[in-house]
Protein backbone atom coordinates (compact mmCIF):
# COMPACT_ATOMS: atom_id res chain seq x y z
CA MET A 1 1.37 8.37 -20.12
CA SER A 2 -0.32 4.97 -19.61
CA GLY A 3 -0.23 2.74 -16.56
CA ALA A 4 -0.12 -1.06 -16.09
CA ILE A 5 -2.96 -3.06 -14.61
CA GLN A 6 -2.13 -5.71 -12.05
CA PRO A 7 -4.85 -8.62 -12.05
CA TYR A 8 -4.23 -9.81 -8.59
CA PRO A 9 -6.98 -12.12 -7.37
CA TRP A 10 -8.11 -9.83 -4.39
CA GLY A 11 -8.99 -7.00 -6.83
CA SER A 12 -12.30 -5.71 -7.72
CA ARG A 13 -13.83 -6.47 -11.15
CA GLU A 14 -15.75 -3.28 -11.41
CA VAL A 15 -13.93 -0.22 -9.82
CA LEU A 16 -10.99 0.26 -11.93
CA PRO A 17 -13.04 -0.05 -15.23
CA GLN A 18 -15.63 2.37 -13.71
CA ILE A 19 -12.83 4.90 -12.95
CA MET A 20 -11.21 4.34 -16.24
CA GLY A 21 -14.52 4.46 -18.30
CA VAL A 22 -13.79 1.07 -19.90
CA PRO A 23 -16.09 -2.13 -20.06
CA PRO A 24 -15.10 -4.71 -17.35
CA THR A 25 -12.99 -7.61 -18.55
CA GLY A 26 -14.68 -10.03 -16.00
CA GLU A 27 -11.29 -10.68 -14.23
CA PRO A 28 -9.96 -8.90 -11.16
CA GLN A 29 -8.18 -5.60 -11.80
CA ALA A 30 -6.46 -4.82 -8.53
CA GLU A 31 -3.89 -2.23 -9.17
CA LEU A 32 -3.12 0.50 -11.69
CA TRP A 33 0.75 1.25 -11.59
CA LEU A 34 2.01 4.64 -12.53
CA GLY A 35 5.77 5.15 -12.54
CA ALA A 36 9.15 3.72 -13.61
CA HIS A 37 9.24 0.49 -11.56
CA PRO A 38 11.11 -2.07 -13.81
CA ARG A 39 8.69 -4.65 -13.15
CA ALA A 40 5.70 -2.68 -14.78
CA PRO A 41 6.83 0.62 -15.99
CA SER A 42 4.39 3.20 -17.57
CA VAL A 43 4.49 3.89 -21.16
CA LEU A 44 5.29 7.56 -22.17
CA ARG A 45 4.19 8.77 -25.44
CA ARG A 46 6.49 11.60 -27.04
CA SER A 47 6.51 12.79 -30.54
CA GLY A 48 4.58 9.81 -31.69
CA THR A 49 6.82 7.19 -29.97
CA ASN A 50 5.98 4.96 -27.03
CA ARG A 51 8.75 4.28 -24.60
CA PRO A 52 8.92 2.88 -21.03
CA LEU A 53 9.31 5.60 -18.52
CA ASN A 54 12.22 3.91 -16.68
CA GLN A 55 14.22 4.01 -20.06
CA VAL A 56 13.34 7.48 -20.65
CA ILE A 57 14.64 8.48 -17.33
CA ALA A 58 17.72 6.28 -17.66
CA ASN A 59 18.71 7.99 -20.93
CA ASP A 60 18.47 11.55 -19.32
CA PRO A 61 18.08 11.39 -15.55
CA ILE A 62 19.07 15.02 -14.99
CA GLY A 63 16.69 16.26 -17.71
CA GLU A 64 13.74 14.19 -16.56
CA LEU A 65 14.19 14.34 -12.70
CA GLY A 66 16.25 17.52 -12.22
CA GLU A 67 19.90 17.55 -10.85
CA ASP A 68 18.84 17.30 -7.18
CA ALA A 69 16.52 14.23 -7.48
CA ALA A 70 18.94 12.56 -9.93
CA GLN A 71 21.80 12.93 -7.47
CA THR A 72 19.72 12.30 -4.37
CA PHE A 73 17.97 9.01 -5.76
CA GLY A 74 20.59 7.64 -7.88
CA GLY A 75 19.19 8.63 -11.33
CA GLU A 76 15.89 6.69 -10.66
CA LEU A 77 12.27 7.99 -9.94
CA PRO A 78 11.98 7.53 -6.28
CA PHE A 79 8.13 7.06 -6.04
CA LEU A 80 5.53 4.89 -7.51
CA LEU A 81 1.80 5.93 -7.72
CA LYS A 82 -1.03 3.46 -7.88
CA ILE A 83 -4.72 3.16 -7.60
CA LEU A 84 -5.84 0.07 -5.45
CA ALA A 85 -9.35 -1.38 -5.92
CA VAL A 86 -9.57 -4.01 -3.00
CA ASP A 87 -12.60 -6.33 -3.14
CA GLN A 88 -10.95 -9.13 -0.70
CA PRO A 89 -8.47 -8.62 2.21
CA LEU A 90 -4.84 -8.63 1.08
CA SER A 91 -2.00 -10.39 2.84
CA LEU A 92 -0.90 -9.82 6.49
CA GLN A 93 2.23 -7.76 5.64
CA THR A 94 4.72 -5.20 6.49
CA HIS A 95 7.63 -3.48 4.64
CA PRO A 96 11.34 -3.09 5.52
CA THR A 97 13.41 -0.10 6.49
CA LEU A 98 16.03 1.04 3.97
CA SER A 99 18.87 -0.72 5.77
CA GLN A 100 16.76 -3.81 6.17
CA ALA A 101 15.96 -3.87 2.57
CA GLN A 102 19.63 -3.44 1.49
CA ALA A 103 20.79 -6.28 3.92
CA GLY A 104 17.81 -8.54 2.93
CA PHE A 105 18.38 -7.98 -0.79
CA ASP A 106 22.26 -8.55 -0.57
CA SER A 107 21.59 -11.81 1.54
CA GLU A 108 19.18 -13.28 -0.94
CA ASP A 109 21.59 -12.38 -3.69
CA GLU A 110 24.35 -14.23 -1.92
CA GLN A 111 22.15 -17.18 -1.56
CA GLY A 112 21.74 -17.29 -5.31
CA ILE A 113 17.79 -16.67 -5.04
CA PRO A 114 16.69 -15.34 -8.57
CA LEU A 115 14.95 -11.97 -8.57
CA ASP A 116 11.85 -13.45 -10.05
CA ALA A 117 11.72 -16.51 -7.70
CA GLU A 118 8.41 -16.97 -5.97
CA HIS A 119 10.16 -17.54 -2.57
CA ARG A 120 12.20 -14.31 -2.81
CA SER A 121 11.19 -11.66 -0.19
CA TYR A 122 13.48 -8.76 -1.22
CA ARG A 123 13.12 -7.82 -4.95
CA ASP A 124 14.98 -4.53 -4.73
CA ARG A 125 17.23 -2.69 -2.27
CA ASN A 126 14.64 0.12 -1.30
CA HIS A 127 12.45 0.73 1.59
CA LYS A 128 8.64 0.99 0.96
CA PRO A 129 6.80 3.68 3.14
CA GLU A 130 3.44 4.46 1.58
CA LEU A 131 0.50 6.57 1.82
CA ILE A 132 -3.02 5.96 0.98
CA CYS A 133 -5.92 8.42 0.25
CA ALA A 134 -9.54 7.07 0.02
CA LEU A 135 -11.52 7.43 -3.22
CA GLU A 136 -14.40 5.64 -1.59
CA PRO A 137 -15.01 4.36 1.92
CA PHE A 138 -11.92 2.17 2.66
CA THR A 139 -11.38 -0.34 5.58
CA ALA A 140 -7.96 -1.57 6.72
CA LEU A 141 -6.36 -3.20 9.67
CA CYS A 142 -3.30 -1.10 10.41
CA GLY A 143 -0.76 -0.96 13.16
CA LEU A 144 -0.77 -3.19 16.31
CA ARG A 145 -3.22 -2.20 18.96
CA PRO A 146 -2.16 -1.37 22.58
CA PRO A 147 -1.44 -4.58 24.38
CA ASP A 148 -4.33 -4.27 26.79
CA SER A 149 -6.74 -3.65 23.88
CA ALA A 150 -5.54 -6.52 21.86
CA ALA A 151 -5.64 -8.86 24.99
CA ALA A 152 -9.24 -7.86 25.76
CA LEU A 153 -10.35 -8.56 22.06
CA LEU A 154 -8.72 -11.98 21.97
CA ASP A 155 -9.88 -12.96 25.53
CA SER A 156 -13.52 -12.04 24.62
CA LEU A 157 -13.41 -14.73 21.95
CA GLU A 158 -13.15 -17.33 24.77
CA VAL A 159 -10.57 -19.50 22.82
CA ASP A 160 -8.54 -21.28 25.41
CA ALA A 161 -5.66 -21.99 22.85
CA LEU A 162 -5.00 -18.19 22.73
CA ASP A 163 -4.08 -17.97 26.44
CA PRO A 164 -0.37 -17.86 25.97
CA ALA A 165 -0.65 -15.03 23.50
CA ILE A 166 -3.03 -13.22 25.78
CA SER A 167 -0.98 -13.63 28.79
CA PHE A 168 1.99 -11.87 26.90
CA LEU A 169 -0.33 -9.11 25.91
CA GLN A 170 -1.64 -8.78 29.35
CA ALA A 171 1.98 -8.29 30.57
CA GLY A 172 2.31 -5.57 27.78
CA GLU A 173 4.60 -7.73 25.74
CA ILE A 174 3.47 -7.60 22.09
CA ALA A 175 6.48 -9.00 20.35
CA PRO A 176 6.29 -12.35 22.18
CA ALA A 177 2.71 -12.68 21.57
CA LEU A 178 3.04 -11.94 17.79
CA ARG A 179 5.98 -14.43 17.63
CA TRP A 180 4.14 -17.17 19.47
CA LEU A 181 1.23 -16.95 17.02
CA LEU A 182 3.46 -16.84 13.94
CA GLU A 183 5.76 -19.73 14.85
CA GLN A 184 2.79 -22.19 15.58
CA THR A 185 3.24 -25.60 13.89
CA PRO A 186 0.95 -25.94 10.80
CA GLU A 187 -1.32 -28.30 12.66
CA SER A 188 -1.80 -26.11 15.79
CA GLY A 189 -1.80 -22.90 13.81
CA THR A 190 -4.81 -24.40 11.66
CA GLU A 191 -6.52 -25.54 14.78
CA ILE A 192 -6.36 -22.02 16.59
CA ALA A 193 -7.39 -20.18 13.41
CA GLN A 194 -10.40 -22.34 13.01
CA GLN A 195 -11.55 -21.73 16.60
CA VAL A 196 -10.79 -18.03 16.34
CA ALA A 197 -12.92 -17.75 13.15
CA ALA A 198 -15.71 -19.83 14.82
CA ALA A 199 -15.72 -17.51 17.78
CA CYS A 200 -15.87 -14.50 15.59
CA SER A 201 -19.17 -15.71 14.29
CA LYS A 202 -20.77 -15.49 17.69
CA PRO A 203 -22.08 -12.14 19.17
CA GLY A 204 -19.94 -10.35 21.70
CA PRO A 205 -17.59 -7.31 22.25
CA PHE A 206 -15.75 -5.98 19.35
CA PRO A 207 -18.48 -6.65 16.66
CA ASP A 208 -16.85 -4.95 13.78
CA GLU A 209 -13.63 -6.73 14.37
CA ARG A 210 -15.52 -9.94 14.80
CA LEU A 211 -17.23 -9.51 11.39
CA TRP A 212 -13.83 -9.10 9.70
CA GLY A 213 -12.52 -12.21 11.60
CA VAL A 214 -15.32 -14.11 10.04
CA ARG A 215 -14.68 -12.76 6.56
CA ILE A 216 -11.06 -13.39 6.77
CA GLY A 217 -11.45 -16.76 8.13
CA GLU A 218 -13.83 -17.70 5.27
CA GLN A 219 -11.21 -16.50 2.70
CA HIS A 220 -8.27 -18.19 4.42
CA PRO A 221 -9.60 -21.07 6.41
CA GLY A 222 -7.04 -22.28 8.90
CA ASP A 223 -4.55 -19.39 8.45
CA ILE A 224 -3.22 -18.13 11.76
CA GLY A 225 -3.23 -14.72 10.25
CA VAL A 226 -7.04 -14.36 11.23
CA ALA A 227 -5.91 -14.35 15.04
CA ILE A 228 -3.06 -11.71 14.23
CA ALA A 229 -5.33 -9.52 12.30
CA LEU A 230 -7.38 -9.02 15.39
CA MET A 231 -4.37 -7.54 17.07
CA LEU A 232 -4.45 -4.61 14.61
CA ASN A 233 -6.42 -1.37 14.57
CA LEU A 234 -9.47 -1.37 12.61
CA VAL A 235 -9.43 1.84 10.44
CA ARG A 236 -12.14 3.50 8.21
CA LEU A 237 -11.21 6.22 5.87
CA GLU A 238 -13.90 8.38 4.26
CA PRO A 239 -13.25 9.69 0.73
CA GLY A 240 -10.41 12.26 0.93
CA GLN A 241 -9.03 11.01 4.11
CA ALA A 242 -5.40 9.62 4.15
CA LEU A 243 -3.22 7.36 6.10
CA PHE A 244 0.73 7.07 6.30
CA LEU A 245 2.37 3.87 6.79
CA GLY A 246 5.92 3.65 7.71
CA ALA A 247 8.40 0.79 7.72
CA GLY A 248 7.39 -2.02 10.01
CA ASN A 249 3.60 -1.10 10.09
CA LEU A 250 1.87 -4.51 9.98
CA HIS A 251 -1.35 -4.10 8.04
CA VAL A 252 -4.13 -5.66 6.09
CA TYR A 253 -6.05 -3.79 3.47
CA LEU A 254 -9.66 -5.01 3.41
CA ARG A 255 -11.94 -3.37 1.16
CA GLY A 256 -12.43 -0.02 -0.93
CA ALA A 257 -10.40 2.12 -3.33
CA VAL A 258 -7.48 4.40 -2.60
CA VAL A 259 -4.86 6.27 -4.33
CA GLU A 260 -1.51 5.01 -2.97
CA ILE A 261 2.05 6.60 -3.19
CA MET A 262 5.03 4.78 -1.99
CA ALA A 263 8.75 4.48 -2.39
CA ASN A 264 9.68 2.78 -5.76
CA SER A 265 9.85 -0.75 -4.30
CA ASP A 266 8.12 -4.09 -4.49
CA ASN A 267 9.41 -5.21 -1.09
CA VAL A 268 6.53 -6.97 0.84
CA LEU A 269 7.26 -9.32 3.81
CA ARG A 270 4.19 -11.52 4.38
CA GLY A 271 3.11 -13.38 7.49
CA GLY A 272 -0.10 -15.04 6.29
CA LEU A 273 -3.53 -14.53 4.47
CA THR A 274 -1.98 -15.25 1.17
CA VAL A 275 -0.96 -17.98 -1.22
CA LYS A 276 2.30 -16.11 -1.97
CA HIS A 277 5.55 -16.50 -0.28
CA VAL A 278 5.31 -16.11 3.67
CA ASP A 279 8.42 -15.17 5.31
CA VAL A 280 7.80 -15.35 9.03
CA PRO A 281 11.46 -14.64 10.11
CA ALA A 282 11.88 -11.64 7.83
CA LEU A 283 8.53 -10.31 8.94
CA LEU A 284 9.43 -10.70 12.56
CA ASP A 285 12.83 -8.78 12.15
CA ALA A 286 11.03 -5.85 10.21
CA VAL A 287 7.83 -5.46 12.01
CA ASN A 288 7.37 -2.51 14.48
CA CYS A 289 5.88 -4.04 17.56
CA ARG A 290 5.01 -0.63 19.30
CA PRO A 291 1.34 0.23 19.44
CA HIS A 292 0.44 2.50 16.67
CA ASP A 293 -1.58 5.53 16.95
CA VAL A 294 -3.79 5.82 13.99
CA LEU A 295 -3.25 9.25 12.51
CA VAL A 296 -5.89 9.85 9.80
CA GLN A 297 -5.44 12.98 7.89
CA ALA A 298 -8.15 14.97 6.35
CA PRO A 299 -7.92 17.67 3.75
CA THR A 300 -8.68 21.23 5.06
CA GLY A 301 -9.26 22.84 1.45
CA PRO A 302 -9.51 21.86 -2.20
CA CYS A 303 -5.81 21.61 -2.56
CA PHE A 304 -4.09 19.84 0.27
CA THR A 305 -0.67 18.11 0.52
CA PHE A 306 -0.54 15.25 2.95
CA GLU A 307 2.08 14.83 5.47
CA ALA A 308 4.57 12.24 4.69
CA PRO A 309 7.97 12.21 6.54
CA VAL A 310 9.94 10.67 3.87
CA PRO A 311 12.09 12.27 0.86
CA ASP A 312 10.87 9.92 -1.64
CA PHE A 313 7.41 11.28 -2.27
CA SER A 314 4.72 13.68 -1.53
CA LEU A 315 0.90 13.50 -2.54
CA THR A 316 -1.37 16.57 -3.13
CA ARG A 317 -5.14 16.07 -3.67
CA VAL A 318 -6.80 18.85 -5.70
CA GLU A 319 -10.44 19.29 -6.21
CA LEU A 320 -10.36 21.27 -9.40
CA ASP A 321 -13.16 23.37 -10.70
CA GLY A 322 -11.80 25.70 -13.13
CA SER A 323 -8.03 26.26 -13.61
CA GLN A 324 -4.99 26.33 -11.39
CA ARG A 325 -1.40 27.19 -12.10
CA PHE A 326 1.42 25.21 -10.38
CA ALA A 327 5.22 25.16 -10.78
CA PRO A 328 6.65 21.90 -10.10
CA SER A 329 10.15 21.73 -8.34
CA GLY A 330 10.92 18.44 -9.47
CA PRO A 331 9.40 15.38 -11.49
CA GLU A 332 5.73 14.83 -11.08
CA ILE A 333 2.92 12.54 -12.15
CA VAL A 334 -0.60 14.17 -12.42
CA LEU A 335 -3.48 11.67 -12.11
CA CYS A 336 -7.08 12.41 -12.86
CA ALA A 337 -9.03 10.13 -10.47
CA SER A 338 -12.61 11.33 -11.86
CA GLY A 339 -13.87 14.03 -14.08
CA SER A 340 -11.84 15.53 -16.90
CA VAL A 341 -8.71 17.86 -16.79
CA LYS A 342 -6.21 19.38 -19.34
CA VAL A 343 -2.66 19.45 -18.18
CA ALA A 344 0.15 21.07 -20.12
CA GLY A 345 -2.04 20.63 -23.33
CA HIS A 346 -2.90 16.99 -22.53
CA LYS A 347 -6.53 16.03 -21.76
CA ILE A 348 -6.90 13.11 -19.20
CA THR A 349 -9.95 11.51 -17.66
CA GLY A 350 -10.35 8.91 -14.90
CA GLY A 351 -7.39 6.92 -14.48
CA GLY A 352 -5.31 9.00 -16.90
CA ALA A 353 -2.03 10.57 -16.06
CA VAL A 354 0.66 13.02 -17.34
CA TRP A 355 4.30 12.88 -16.74
CA VAL A 356 5.75 16.22 -15.86
CA PRO A 357 9.66 16.32 -16.17
CA ALA A 358 11.79 18.46 -13.89
CA GLY A 359 12.14 22.05 -15.49
CA ALA A 360 8.81 22.02 -17.21
CA GLY A 361 8.24 25.42 -15.65
CA ALA A 362 4.82 26.87 -14.55
CA LEU A 363 1.82 24.78 -15.90
CA GLU A 364 -1.82 25.22 -15.85
CA MET A 365 -4.60 22.52 -15.02
CA ALA A 366 -7.98 23.24 -16.15
CA GLY A 367 -11.28 21.46 -15.86
CA ASN A 368 -13.56 19.73 -13.25
CA ALA A 369 -11.86 16.93 -11.83
CA LEU A 370 -10.31 15.14 -8.77
CA VAL A 371 -6.71 15.26 -9.38
CA PHE A 372 -3.63 13.88 -7.48
CA ARG A 373 -0.15 15.32 -7.97
CA ALA A 374 2.69 12.91 -7.06
CA ALA A 375 6.03 14.37 -6.61
CA THR A 376 9.31 13.97 -4.47
CA GLY A 377 9.23 14.95 -0.69
CA ASP A 378 11.03 17.78 0.94
């Protein structure tokens, strides 16, 4: 199967071409999608014929997904697998719960907002939990800090205009602080953002966070998102380490390359740091304002399945040196991230993938490669 490249402007121009062993195009190549999302389905080659994976599944959902997955997920592949190559910070964003997605989608339908409209927030009725596993050192802002930590960081900038937000945080109230920042007028938001970015360029406590404040401020001058980004945990993943992000987790991916698996959705609620549609009311309704413990997972062996507390997906990382047999219990996508591997008679290299339908039986992988197996969850 072959995936679809998404040329978002924040993407690296070199990383995906390096992984896939092809010449760079000179344009950003941000994401490689592998799955059956109707916006960019993978192409499956069978018996000399190329067909979109979503059509293949729609024609025989039980044969491709298995009876259990077909019934549980309405005859659709419940996960989407990606490689992300991040060169510049993504938007300040979160994702809805399943019930929020269903209500939001139906509401925008009732308002007559076309599915492909730029100002549409809900493009499907699904939630979008996700798990990332680093292919190289990866940096992100993820989940809200404890209020005392966020207050200390913002207070260290000595920006008087932030005092109302700091007061909320010192009282342990994260949601009002976040709302106060997001609901600034364009004029006051721009002024606060400029002061925050300038303050981040000065030496002081939280030097790593200040450095990213400068970079974000340079990329998005005058965007209040720079102040909100400083309320999030700064996280660094080393290759092989992983992080699960549930619904409502406010985050900004900053730099690096990861394999990402998620529920089969494209619902993104943005609060800033982007030229795309920003929907502050929807984000405030969806965001989880409880402080987040950053639970980094690290593989404990050459074959390791990361913890993901959702039924939609699971991700197994395999450092393959030789051969290994596996017996899928449902549909899988096998991705080669580096090296070379032969799966069910198909040889793939970096960025290559094989679709394994349910009922394929026991299979063998052979080669020297870093492999990821994407499957449904428990």
